[in-house]
Amino acid sequence: MFKATSLLGWFLWASLWFAVRADTIVLRDGNAHRGTFVRGSDTDIRFRIDNGRLRTFDRNEVESIHFENDGVATIGSANREIFSNRRDGNVVAGEQGSMERRATMEIQRKYRQLGGGSSILGNPTSGVHPTDDGIGYYQHYSNGASIYWSPDTGAHEVHGGFRVKWAEIGWENSRLGYPTSDEQIAPDGRGRFQDFQGGRLLWDGSGAVQIRQRPRAFR
């Protein structure tokens, strides 16, 4: 009876443990796995996949690890800094400059605010990368969405038709620049809009996404 009770208790504890600890490991080949980070070293990273299988990944295979509550560790191959992931004393190796660290933290904060993997964004499909203009950082997600960050604008999500239109005209290098808000509901309750440094994207609820250059009133 004691053994059966102990076994049941262990099973319930383990179930709760894996239910609470939901991390994501993103590989350089574009694949991502949900599960639980176990430990990291200078040579490999151990990660328990959702099905309970323990896998060992070579550091060079891994682009980033997304901790459910503790932020993101971007795995680099040079200029390595060892830092704690604030869980069980485990450490992983990462390449984090001060600006990259700030961007990563703010992007992850925005991701959590929007609801994480259950939000309109979905799960991460990339690490946090610098933008082509060398000013900001971005991260892409599985539902065709992204979060973009710059020092002047902070972190904002872009998804759906607005993201498609922004990409068509050149992302942050376009005349719109970086987003300065998330997607918003228009005053009429039907349409949507999103503000950018150089203007606004508009959708009236029926037609195509329109670009409105930034008028003086916006400045």
Foldseek 3Di string as FASTA:
>chain_A
DVVVVVVVVVVVVVVVVFVVWWKKWAFPVQDIFITHWDAADPFWTWTQGPVRDIDIGGLNGTQWMQTPPQFIAGRDDPPWDWDASPPPRGIYIHRADPQNVVQRVQQSVVCVVQPHQVGLQHHWRHHWAADPVRFWIKTHGDNQKMWIAGPVQTIEIDHDQRSVVCVVQPNCPHQQHAWNYYWDQDPVRQKIKTHGPFFIWIDRNPDHIDTDGDDPVND
